[in-house]
């Protein structure tokens, strides 16, 4: 992780113009080889931050009222976002499939955030994600070799 923090600091300081393009290429290469269903560590160990729209989408999918979804599954974190009360995710099946996949929270849809624009803005988050996601580790390894 120390190496990844150093790399992130270097990238933030230099802000390479082609960083997004490079990271997106590495993201595509890595995810051609990694199947998230064999791991699901993100779903097993972390909770996404959720906003009202996420809660509403889950409620509709579960045929519950948003207040019921919050009461049954969530709590408020220190940043004022809803998070799942427990890990693993209550919607993760034994086969690593998500039972609410089509209605999953935005943070889940975007995870691990390595194919988004302005990657330098999520460098700190991405460093943390190297502790959770083997794909992010592989992307950082490729980045380290490229810079």
Protein backbone atom coordinates (compact mmCIF):
# COMPACT_ATOMS: atom_id res chain seq x y z
CA UNK A 1 0.00 0.00 0.00
CA UNK A 2 2.91 2.33 0.72
CA UNK A 3 4.06 2.03 -2.91
CA UNK A 4 0.55 2.86 -4.10
CA UNK A 5 0.36 5.95 -1.88
CA UNK A 6 3.66 7.16 -3.31
CA UNK A 7 2.45 6.54 -6.85
CA UNK A 8 -0.80 8.40 -6.15
CA UNK A 9 1.11 11.38 -4.73
CA UNK A 10 3.37 11.42 -7.78
CA UNK A 11 0.40 11.30 -10.15
CA UNK A 12 -1.45 14.04 -8.26
CA UNK A 13 1.60 16.28 -8.39
CA UNK A 14 2.33 15.74 -12.08
CA UNK A 15 -1.28 15.39 -13.33
CA UNK A 16 -0.34 13.59 -16.55
CA UNK A 17 -2.61 14.67 -19.41
CA UNK A 18 -3.17 11.13 -20.59
CA UNK A 19 -3.83 9.64 -17.14
CA UNK A 20 -7.52 8.93 -17.78
CA UNK A 21 -6.78 7.33 -21.14
CA UNK A 22 -4.03 5.20 -19.67
CA UNK A 23 -6.05 4.10 -16.63
CA UNK A 24 -9.07 3.30 -18.81
CA UNK A 25 -6.90 1.13 -21.07
CA UNK A 26 -5.46 -0.67 -18.03
CA UNK A 27 -8.98 -1.04 -16.59
CA UNK A 28 -10.17 -2.70 -19.81
CA UNK A 29 -7.12 -4.99 -19.97
CA UNK A 30 -7.45 -6.06 -16.34
CA UNK A 31 -11.19 -6.69 -16.47
CA UNK A 32 -10.77 -8.88 -19.56
CA UNK A 33 -8.94 -11.28 -17.24
CA UNK A 34 -10.69 -10.79 -13.88
CA UNK A 35 -14.19 -12.06 -13.16
CA UNK A 36 -15.66 -10.17 -10.22
CA UNK A 37 -17.93 -13.10 -9.41
CA UNK A 38 -14.92 -15.19 -8.37
CA UNK A 39 -14.02 -12.59 -5.74
CA UNK A 40 -16.82 -10.23 -4.64
CA UNK A 41 -14.51 -8.95 -1.92
CA UNK A 42 -15.95 -5.46 -2.30
CA UNK A 43 -19.41 -6.81 -1.44
CA UNK A 44 -18.04 -8.93 1.39
CA UNK A 45 -15.99 -6.27 3.15
CA UNK A 46 -17.20 -2.75 2.35
CA UNK A 47 -20.46 -0.88 2.16
CA UNK A 48 -21.20 1.67 -0.52
CA UNK A 49 -22.22 5.16 0.48
CA UNK A 50 -25.81 5.60 -0.60
CA UNK A 51 -27.98 8.60 -1.34
CA UNK A 52 -31.75 8.99 -1.39
CA UNK A 53 -32.00 7.90 -5.04
CA UNK A 54 -30.17 4.66 -4.20
CA UNK A 55 -32.53 3.99 -1.31
CA UNK A 56 -35.56 4.73 -3.50
CA UNK A 57 -34.30 2.41 -6.25
CA UNK A 58 -33.70 -0.41 -3.74
CA UNK A 59 -37.11 0.18 -2.14
CA UNK A 60 -38.88 -0.07 -5.49
CA UNK A 61 -36.99 -3.27 -6.32
CA UNK A 62 -37.78 -4.80 -2.92
CA UNK A 63 -41.38 -3.53 -2.98
CA UNK A 64 -40.86 -1.69 0.30
CA UNK A 65 -41.07 1.92 1.37
CA UNK A 66 -37.73 3.75 1.55
CA UNK A 67 -38.12 4.11 5.32
CA UNK A 68 -38.50 0.33 5.60
CA UNK A 69 -35.32 -0.27 3.58
CA UNK A 70 -33.42 2.17 5.80
CA UNK A 71 -34.78 0.62 9.00
CA UNK A 72 -34.11 -2.94 7.89
CA UNK A 73 -30.72 -2.65 6.21
CA UNK A 74 -29.01 0.70 6.78
CA UNK A 75 -27.46 3.17 9.15
CA UNK A 76 -26.03 6.66 8.71
CA UNK A 77 -22.24 6.96 8.61
CA UNK A 78 -20.09 9.85 9.86
CA UNK A 79 -20.26 11.51 6.43
CA UNK A 80 -24.06 11.58 6.46
CA UNK A 81 -24.46 8.81 3.90
CA UNK A 82 -26.49 5.66 4.29
CA UNK A 83 -24.42 2.49 4.46
CA UNK A 84 -25.39 -1.13 4.98
CA UNK A 85 -25.50 -2.03 8.63
CA UNK A 86 -23.45 -5.18 8.19
CA UNK A 87 -20.99 -6.89 5.90
CA UNK A 88 -21.18 -8.82 3.72
CA UNK A 89 -23.81 -6.94 1.75
CA UNK A 90 -27.26 -8.25 2.64
CA UNK A 91 -28.00 -8.74 -1.06
CA UNK A 92 -24.91 -10.83 -1.87
CA UNK A 93 -25.75 -14.47 -2.54
CA UNK A 94 -23.61 -17.50 -1.71
CA UNK A 95 -22.76 -17.65 -5.44
CA UNK A 96 -21.45 -14.04 -5.28
CA UNK A 97 -24.35 -12.80 -7.40
CA UNK A 98 -26.19 -9.64 -6.34
CA UNK A 99 -29.91 -10.16 -5.81
CA UNK A 100 -30.60 -6.46 -6.50
CA UNK A 101 -28.07 -6.07 -9.34
CA UNK A 102 -30.33 -4.04 -11.65
CA UNK A 103 -31.20 -1.70 -8.77
CA UNK A 104 -27.86 -1.64 -6.97
CA UNK A 105 -26.51 1.64 -5.55
CA UNK A 106 -24.55 3.99 -7.80
CA UNK A 107 -21.34 3.40 -5.82
CA UNK A 108 -21.65 -0.33 -6.59
CA UNK A 109 -22.31 0.39 -10.27
CA UNK A 110 -19.17 2.54 -10.50
CA UNK A 111 -16.87 0.38 -8.37
CA UNK A 112 -13.86 0.23 -8.46
CA UNK A 113 -13.95 3.74 -10.00
CA UNK A 114 -11.00 3.09 -12.30
CA UNK A 115 -12.87 3.86 -15.52
CA UNK A 116 -14.18 7.28 -14.61
CA UNK A 117 -13.14 10.69 -15.87
CA UNK A 118 -10.67 12.73 -13.82
CA UNK A 119 -9.15 9.66 -12.20
CA UNK A 120 -6.74 11.88 -10.27
CA UNK A 121 -9.75 13.00 -8.18
CA UNK A 122 -10.25 9.46 -6.86
CA UNK A 123 -6.61 8.51 -6.40
CA UNK A 124 -6.86 8.36 -2.59
CA UNK A 125 -9.99 6.21 -2.81
CA UNK A 126 -8.28 4.01 -5.38
CA UNK A 127 -5.31 3.50 -3.06
CA UNK A 128 -7.77 2.31 -0.38
CA UNK A 129 -9.42 0.05 -2.95
CA UNK A 130 -6.09 -1.72 -3.53
CA UNK A 131 -6.74 -3.33 -0.14
CA UNK A 132 -10.07 -4.69 -1.37
CA UNK A 133 -9.95 -5.27 -5.12
CA UNK A 134 -7.35 -7.34 -6.97
CA UNK A 135 -8.23 -5.51 -10.19
CA UNK A 136 -7.22 -2.18 -8.67
CA UNK A 137 -3.94 -3.74 -7.52
CA UNK A 138 -3.29 -4.88 -11.10
CA UNK A 139 -4.15 -1.44 -12.49
CA UNK A 140 -1.76 0.23 -10.03
CA UNK A 141 0.96 -2.26 -10.98
CA UNK A 142 0.48 -1.37 -14.64
CA UNK A 143 0.50 2.34 -13.82
CA UNK A 144 3.69 1.99 -11.78
CA UNK A 145 5.40 0.30 -14.72
CA UNK A 146 4.17 2.96 -17.14
CA UNK A 147 5.30 6.10 -15.28
